[in-house]
Amino acid sequence: MNTLIKLEEAALFGLGIYLFSLLNFEWWWFAALLLAPDLSMLGYLGGNKSGAWMYNFFHHRGIAIAVYIAGIYLENEWMQLAGVMLFAHSSMDRMFGYGLKYEEGFKFTHLGNLETKKP
């Protein structure tokens, strides 16, 4: 993946860290929840189509932003936390080359085929 894209994703991950810092949670929450969206990979137990749908739902930054904004509107800090964690996790994943999934299988992403990226 292009270095510029990785840097952009790193900056967005930094934004997620900053948004977390504005919330009233201890920092251990960030570490504990950072990988939680990857539980969506369990969707692949139902096949590639359901797996891709579930993975993409929990890794879509538009959804993360909507959850965060809904949390602000509803004055619900737990929703804000959920939105921040979804956003930060998705940015971290993309920084490492893991993109949204196609229905062909887990290794087929919008950032390219994971198998062809191996060093």
N, C-alpha and C. Protein backbone atom coordinates (compact mmCIF):
# COMPACT_ATOMS: atom_id res chain seq x y z
N MET A 1 0.85 -1.17 0.00
CA MET A 1 0.00 0.00 0.00
C MET A 1 0.89 1.23 0.00
N ASN A 2 0.40 2.23 -0.57
CA ASN A 2 1.12 3.49 -0.69
C ASN A 2 1.42 4.07 0.70
N THR A 3 2.64 4.57 0.87
CA THR A 3 3.06 5.16 2.14
C THR A 3 2.18 6.35 2.52
N LEU A 4 1.76 7.13 1.55
CA LEU A 4 0.92 8.29 1.82
C LEU A 4 -0.42 7.86 2.44
N ILE A 5 -0.99 6.78 1.93
CA ILE A 5 -2.25 6.28 2.48
C ILE A 5 -2.03 5.79 3.91
N LYS A 6 -0.93 5.11 4.16
CA LYS A 6 -0.63 4.65 5.52
C LYS A 6 -0.48 5.82 6.48
N LEU A 7 0.17 6.89 6.02
CA LEU A 7 0.32 8.08 6.85
C LEU A 7 -1.03 8.74 7.13
N GLU A 8 -1.88 8.77 6.12
CA GLU A 8 -3.21 9.33 6.31
C GLU A 8 -3.99 8.53 7.36
N GLU A 9 -3.92 7.21 7.26
CA GLU A 9 -4.61 6.36 8.23
C GLU A 9 -4.03 6.52 9.62
N ALA A 10 -2.72 6.70 9.72
CA ALA A 10 -2.08 6.93 11.01
C ALA A 10 -2.59 8.24 11.63
N ALA A 11 -2.76 9.26 10.79
CA ALA A 11 -3.29 10.53 11.28
C ALA A 11 -4.73 10.37 11.77
N LEU A 12 -5.53 9.59 11.04
CA LEU A 12 -6.91 9.34 11.47
C LEU A 12 -6.95 8.52 12.75
N PHE A 13 -6.01 7.60 12.91
CA PHE A 13 -5.91 6.85 14.16
C PHE A 13 -5.56 7.82 15.30
N GLY A 14 -4.67 8.75 15.04
CA GLY A 14 -4.35 9.78 16.02
C GLY A 14 -5.57 10.62 16.39
N LEU A 15 -6.41 10.91 15.40
CA LEU A 15 -7.65 11.63 15.68
C LEU A 15 -8.54 10.81 16.60
N GLY A 16 -8.61 9.52 16.37
CA GLY A 16 -9.39 8.65 17.26
C GLY A 16 -8.87 8.69 18.69
N ILE A 17 -7.55 8.69 18.84
CA ILE A 17 -6.95 8.79 20.18
C ILE A 17 -7.31 10.13 20.82
N TYR A 18 -7.24 11.20 20.02
CA TYR A 18 -7.60 12.52 20.55
C TYR A 18 -9.07 12.56 20.98
N LEU A 19 -9.96 12.04 20.14
CA LEU A 19 -11.38 12.05 20.49
C LEU A 19 -11.63 11.23 21.76
N PHE A 20 -10.91 10.13 21.91
CA PHE A 20 -11.03 9.34 23.13
C PHE A 20 -10.60 10.18 24.35
N SER A 21 -9.54 10.96 24.18
CA SER A 21 -9.02 11.76 25.30
C SER A 21 -10.04 12.79 25.79
N LEU A 22 -11.02 13.13 24.96
CA LEU A 22 -12.05 14.09 25.34
C LEU A 22 -13.15 13.45 26.19
N LEU A 23 -13.17 12.12 26.23
CA LEU A 23 -14.18 11.40 26.98
C LEU A 23 -13.70 11.15 28.41
N ASN A 24 -14.64 10.85 29.29
CA ASN A 24 -14.31 10.62 30.70
C ASN A 24 -14.15 9.14 31.00
N PHE A 25 -13.22 8.51 30.28
CA PHE A 25 -12.92 7.10 30.50
C PHE A 25 -11.43 6.97 30.80
N GLU A 26 -11.10 5.98 31.59
CA GLU A 26 -9.70 5.67 31.85
C GLU A 26 -9.08 5.13 30.57
N TRP A 27 -7.76 5.28 30.43
CA TRP A 27 -7.08 4.87 29.20
C TRP A 27 -7.10 3.36 28.99
N TRP A 28 -7.27 2.59 30.04
CA TRP A 28 -7.32 1.15 29.85
C TRP A 28 -8.52 0.75 28.99
N TRP A 29 -9.58 1.58 28.99
CA TRP A 29 -10.74 1.29 28.12
C TRP A 29 -10.32 1.28 26.65
N PHE A 30 -9.47 2.24 26.27
CA PHE A 30 -9.01 2.31 24.88
C PHE A 30 -8.27 1.04 24.50
N ALA A 31 -7.34 0.63 25.34
CA ALA A 31 -6.57 -0.59 25.06
C ALA A 31 -7.47 -1.83 25.05
N ALA A 32 -8.41 -1.88 25.99
CA ALA A 32 -9.27 -3.06 26.10
C ALA A 32 -10.23 -3.19 24.92
N LEU A 33 -10.67 -2.06 24.38
CA LEU A 33 -11.69 -2.10 23.32
C LEU A 33 -11.13 -1.96 21.91
N LEU A 34 -9.85 -1.68 21.78
CA LEU A 34 -9.29 -1.40 20.46
C LEU A 34 -9.50 -2.54 19.46
N LEU A 35 -9.42 -3.77 19.90
CA LEU A 35 -9.59 -4.90 18.98
C LEU A 35 -11.01 -5.48 18.99
N ALA A 36 -11.90 -4.91 19.78
CA ALA A 36 -13.26 -5.44 19.89
C ALA A 36 -13.99 -5.53 18.55
N PRO A 37 -13.85 -4.56 17.63
CA PRO A 37 -14.57 -4.69 16.35
C PRO A 37 -14.17 -5.92 15.54
N ASP A 38 -13.02 -6.51 15.83
CA ASP A 38 -12.61 -7.71 15.11
C ASP A 38 -13.46 -8.93 15.47
N LEU A 39 -14.25 -8.83 16.53
CA LEU A 39 -15.19 -9.91 16.83
C LEU A 39 -16.19 -10.09 15.68
N SER A 40 -16.33 -9.06 14.85
CA SER A 40 -17.22 -9.15 13.70
C SER A 40 -16.76 -10.20 12.69
N MET A 41 -15.52 -10.64 12.78
CA MET A 41 -15.03 -11.70 11.90
C MET A 41 -15.77 -13.01 12.14
N LEU A 42 -16.43 -13.12 13.28
CA LEU A 42 -17.23 -14.32 13.54
C LEU A 42 -18.33 -14.49 12.50
N GLY A 43 -18.69 -13.41 11.82
CA GLY A 43 -19.67 -13.49 10.75
C GLY A 43 -19.25 -14.44 9.64
N TYR A 44 -17.95 -14.66 9.50
CA TYR A 44 -17.47 -15.58 8.47
C TYR A 44 -17.83 -17.03 8.78
N LEU A 45 -18.27 -17.31 10.00
CA LEU A 45 -18.76 -18.66 10.30
C LEU A 45 -20.01 -18.97 9.48
N GLY A 46 -20.71 -17.94 9.05
CA GLY A 46 -21.91 -18.09 8.22
C GLY A 46 -21.62 -18.00 6.73
N GLY A 47 -20.36 -17.93 6.36
CA GLY A 47 -19.98 -17.84 4.95
C GLY A 47 -19.39 -16.49 4.60
N ASN A 48 -18.88 -16.40 3.38
CA ASN A 48 -18.20 -15.18 2.93
C ASN A 48 -19.13 -13.98 2.84
N LYS A 49 -20.35 -14.18 2.38
CA LYS A 49 -21.28 -13.05 2.21
C LYS A 49 -21.65 -12.44 3.56
N SER A 50 -22.07 -13.28 4.50
CA SER A 50 -22.44 -12.75 5.82
C SER A 50 -21.21 -12.23 6.55
N GLY A 51 -20.08 -12.89 6.37
CA GLY A 51 -18.85 -12.43 7.01
C GLY A 51 -18.43 -11.06 6.53
N ALA A 52 -18.46 -10.87 5.22
CA ALA A 52 -18.08 -9.57 4.65
C ALA A 52 -19.05 -8.48 5.12
N TRP A 53 -20.35 -8.81 5.13
CA TRP A 53 -21.33 -7.81 5.55
C TRP A 53 -21.09 -7.39 7.00
N MET A 54 -20.93 -8.37 7.89
CA MET A 54 -20.75 -8.05 9.30
C MET A 54 -19.42 -7.33 9.54
N TYR A 55 -18.37 -7.81 8.91
CA TYR A 55 -17.06 -7.16 9.07
C TYR A 55 -17.13 -5.71 8.59
N ASN A 56 -17.70 -5.50 7.41
CA ASN A 56 -17.78 -4.16 6.85
C ASN A 56 -18.64 -3.23 7.69
N PHE A 57 -19.71 -3.75 8.28
CA PHE A 57 -20.58 -2.93 9.12
C PHE A 57 -19.79 -2.37 10.30
N PHE A 58 -18.99 -3.20 10.94
CA PHE A 58 -18.25 -2.77 12.12
C PHE A 58 -16.92 -2.10 11.80
N HIS A 59 -16.56 -2.03 10.52
CA HIS A 59 -15.32 -1.38 10.10
C HIS A 59 -15.57 -0.21 9.16
N HIS A 60 -16.80 0.23 9.06
CA HIS A 60 -17.15 1.35 8.19
C HIS A 60 -17.07 2.65 8.99
N ARG A 61 -16.21 3.55 8.58
CA ARG A 61 -16.02 4.77 9.36
C ARG A 61 -17.25 5.67 9.33
N GLY A 62 -18.05 5.58 8.28
CA GLY A 62 -19.29 6.36 8.26
C GLY A 62 -20.21 5.96 9.39
N ILE A 63 -20.30 4.68 9.65
CA ILE A 63 -21.12 4.18 10.76
C ILE A 63 -20.51 4.62 12.08
N ALA A 64 -19.19 4.54 12.19
CA ALA A 64 -18.50 4.97 13.41
C ALA A 64 -18.80 6.44 13.71
N ILE A 65 -18.73 7.27 12.69
CA ILE A 65 -18.99 8.70 12.86
C ILE A 65 -20.45 8.93 13.25
N ALA A 66 -21.37 8.20 12.61
CA ALA A 66 -22.79 8.34 12.94
C ALA A 66 -23.06 7.96 14.39
N VAL A 67 -22.44 6.89 14.86
CA VAL A 67 -22.62 6.46 16.26
C VAL A 67 -22.06 7.53 17.19
N TYR A 68 -20.89 8.06 16.88
CA TYR A 68 -20.28 9.11 17.70
C TYR A 68 -21.16 10.36 17.76
N ILE A 69 -21.64 10.80 16.61
CA ILE A 69 -22.49 12.00 16.58
C ILE A 69 -23.81 11.75 17.30
N ALA A 70 -24.37 10.56 17.15
CA ALA A 70 -25.59 10.23 17.88
C ALA A 70 -25.33 10.29 19.38
N GLY A 71 -24.17 9.83 19.81
CA GLY A 71 -23.80 9.91 21.22
C GLY A 71 -23.70 11.34 21.72
N ILE A 72 -23.17 12.22 20.87
CA ILE A 72 -23.11 13.64 21.24
C ILE A 72 -24.52 14.19 21.35
N TYR A 73 -25.34 13.94 20.34
CA TYR A 73 -26.71 14.46 20.31
C TYR A 73 -27.51 13.96 21.51
N LEU A 74 -27.38 12.69 21.83
CA LEU A 74 -28.14 12.10 22.93
C LEU A 74 -27.45 12.27 24.29
N GLU A 75 -26.29 12.93 24.28
CA GLU A 75 -25.50 13.13 25.49
C GLU A 75 -25.21 11.80 26.18
N ASN A 76 -24.83 10.82 25.35
CA ASN A 76 -24.55 9.47 25.85
C ASN A 76 -23.07 9.17 25.59
N GLU A 77 -22.28 9.23 26.64
CA GLU A 77 -20.84 9.05 26.48
C GLU A 77 -20.47 7.62 26.08
N TRP A 78 -21.30 6.64 26.41
CA TRP A 78 -21.03 5.27 26.00
C TRP A 78 -21.16 5.12 24.49
N MET A 79 -22.13 5.80 23.89
CA MET A 79 -22.26 5.78 22.42
C MET A 79 -21.08 6.49 21.78
N GLN A 80 -20.66 7.58 22.38
CA GLN A 80 -19.49 8.28 21.87
C GLN A 80 -18.27 7.37 21.92
N LEU A 81 -18.12 6.64 23.02
CA LEU A 81 -17.01 5.70 23.15
C LEU A 81 -17.07 4.65 22.05
N ALA A 82 -18.26 4.11 21.81
CA ALA A 82 -18.41 3.09 20.76
C ALA A 82 -18.00 3.66 19.40
N GLY A 83 -18.46 4.87 19.09
CA GLY A 83 -18.11 5.50 17.83
C GLY A 83 -16.62 5.74 17.69
N VAL A 84 -16.00 6.23 18.75
CA VAL A 84 -14.56 6.49 18.73
C VAL A 84 -13.78 5.20 18.53
N MET A 85 -14.18 4.16 19.23
CA MET A 85 -13.45 2.90 19.12
C MET A 85 -13.61 2.28 17.73
N LEU A 86 -14.81 2.35 17.16
CA LEU A 86 -15.00 1.85 15.79
C LEU A 86 -14.13 2.63 14.82
N PHE A 87 -14.10 3.96 14.98
CA PHE A 87 -13.32 4.82 14.10
C PHE A 87 -11.82 4.53 14.22
N ALA A 88 -11.34 4.50 15.47
CA ALA A 88 -9.90 4.28 15.69
C ALA A 88 -9.48 2.91 15.19
N HIS A 89 -10.29 1.90 15.47
CA HIS A 89 -9.94 0.55 15.04
C HIS A 89 -9.88 0.46 13.51
N SER A 90 -10.86 1.03 12.85
CA SER A 90 -10.89 0.97 11.39
C SER A 90 -9.68 1.68 10.79
N SER A 91 -9.30 2.80 11.37
CA SER A 91 -8.12 3.52 10.88
C SER A 91 -6.85 2.71 11.12
N MET A 92 -6.77 2.07 12.28
CA MET A 92 -5.60 1.24 12.58
C MET A 92 -5.51 0.08 11.59
N ASP A 93 -6.64 -0.59 11.35
CA ASP A 93 -6.66 -1.70 10.39
C ASP A 93 -6.18 -1.26 9.02
N ARG A 94 -6.69 -0.13 8.54
CA ARG A 94 -6.31 0.34 7.21
C ARG A 94 -4.87 0.79 7.16
N MET A 95 -4.36 1.26 8.27
CA MET A 95 -2.95 1.63 8.34
C MET A 95 -2.08 0.39 8.10
N PHE A 96 -2.57 -0.77 8.52
CA PHE A 96 -1.84 -2.03 8.33
C PHE A 96 -2.25 -2.77 7.06
N GLY A 97 -3.11 -2.15 6.24
CA GLY A 97 -3.47 -2.73 4.95
C GLY A 97 -4.73 -3.57 4.93
N TYR A 98 -5.47 -3.63 6.03
CA TYR A 98 -6.71 -4.40 6.06
C TYR A 98 -7.87 -3.48 5.73
N GLY A 99 -8.50 -3.74 4.59
CA GLY A 99 -9.59 -2.89 4.16
C GLY A 99 -10.93 -3.57 4.31
N LEU A 100 -11.95 -2.89 3.81
CA LEU A 100 -13.30 -3.46 3.79
C LEU A 100 -13.29 -4.68 2.88
N LYS A 101 -14.11 -5.65 3.20
CA LYS A 101 -14.06 -6.95 2.54
C LYS A 101 -15.04 -7.08 1.38
N TYR A 102 -14.62 -7.83 0.36
CA TYR A 102 -15.50 -8.24 -0.72
C TYR A 102 -16.05 -9.63 -0.38
N GLU A 103 -17.14 -10.00 -1.02
CA GLU A 103 -17.80 -11.27 -0.72
C GLU A 103 -17.02 -12.50 -1.19
N GLU A 104 -15.96 -12.29 -1.97
CA GLU A 104 -15.16 -13.43 -2.44
C GLU A 104 -14.40 -14.12 -1.31
N GLY A 105 -14.16 -13.40 -0.23
CA GLY A 105 -13.44 -13.99 0.90
C GLY A 105 -12.71 -12.93 1.70
N PHE A 106 -12.24 -13.31 2.85
CA PHE A 106 -11.62 -12.38 3.79
C PHE A 106 -10.40 -11.67 3.21
N LYS A 107 -9.64 -12.34 2.38
CA LYS A 107 -8.39 -11.76 1.86
C LYS A 107 -8.62 -10.73 0.74
N PHE A 108 -9.85 -10.60 0.25
CA PHE A 108 -10.16 -9.66 -0.83
C PHE A 108 -10.74 -8.37 -0.25
N THR A 109 -9.94 -7.30 -0.30
CA THR A 109 -10.34 -6.03 0.32
C THR A 109 -10.33 -4.89 -0.68
N HIS A 110 -10.91 -3.78 -0.26
CA HIS A 110 -10.91 -2.60 -1.13
C HIS A 110 -9.51 -1.99 -1.25
N LEU A 111 -8.59 -2.45 -0.44
CA LEU A 111 -7.21 -1.98 -0.53
C LEU A 111 -6.32 -2.95 -1.30
N GLY A 112 -6.91 -4.04 -1.78
CA GLY A 112 -6.17 -5.04 -2.53
C GLY A 112 -6.28 -6.41 -1.91
N ASN A 113 -5.68 -7.38 -2.57
CA ASN A 113 -5.70 -8.76 -2.10
C ASN A 113 -4.62 -8.94 -1.03
N LEU A 114 -5.01 -9.41 0.13
CA LEU A 114 -4.06 -9.56 1.25
C LEU A 114 -2.96 -10.57 0.93
N GLU A 115 -3.26 -11.59 0.11
CA GLU A 115 -2.24 -12.58 -0.22
C GLU A 115 -1.13 -12.00 -1.08
N THR A 116 -1.45 -11.09 -1.97
CA THR A 116 -0.43 -10.53 -2.85
C THR A 116 0.42 -9.47 -2.17
N LYS A 117 0.04 -9.07 -0.94
CA LYS A 117 0.78 -8.05 -0.21
C LYS A 117 1.85 -8.64 0.70
N LYS A 118 1.92 -9.95 0.78
CA LYS A 118 2.91 -10.57 1.68
C LYS A 118 4.32 -10.21 1.23
N PRO A 119 5.21 -9.90 2.22
CA PRO A 119 6.58 -9.52 1.86
C PRO A 119 7.39 -10.68 1.32
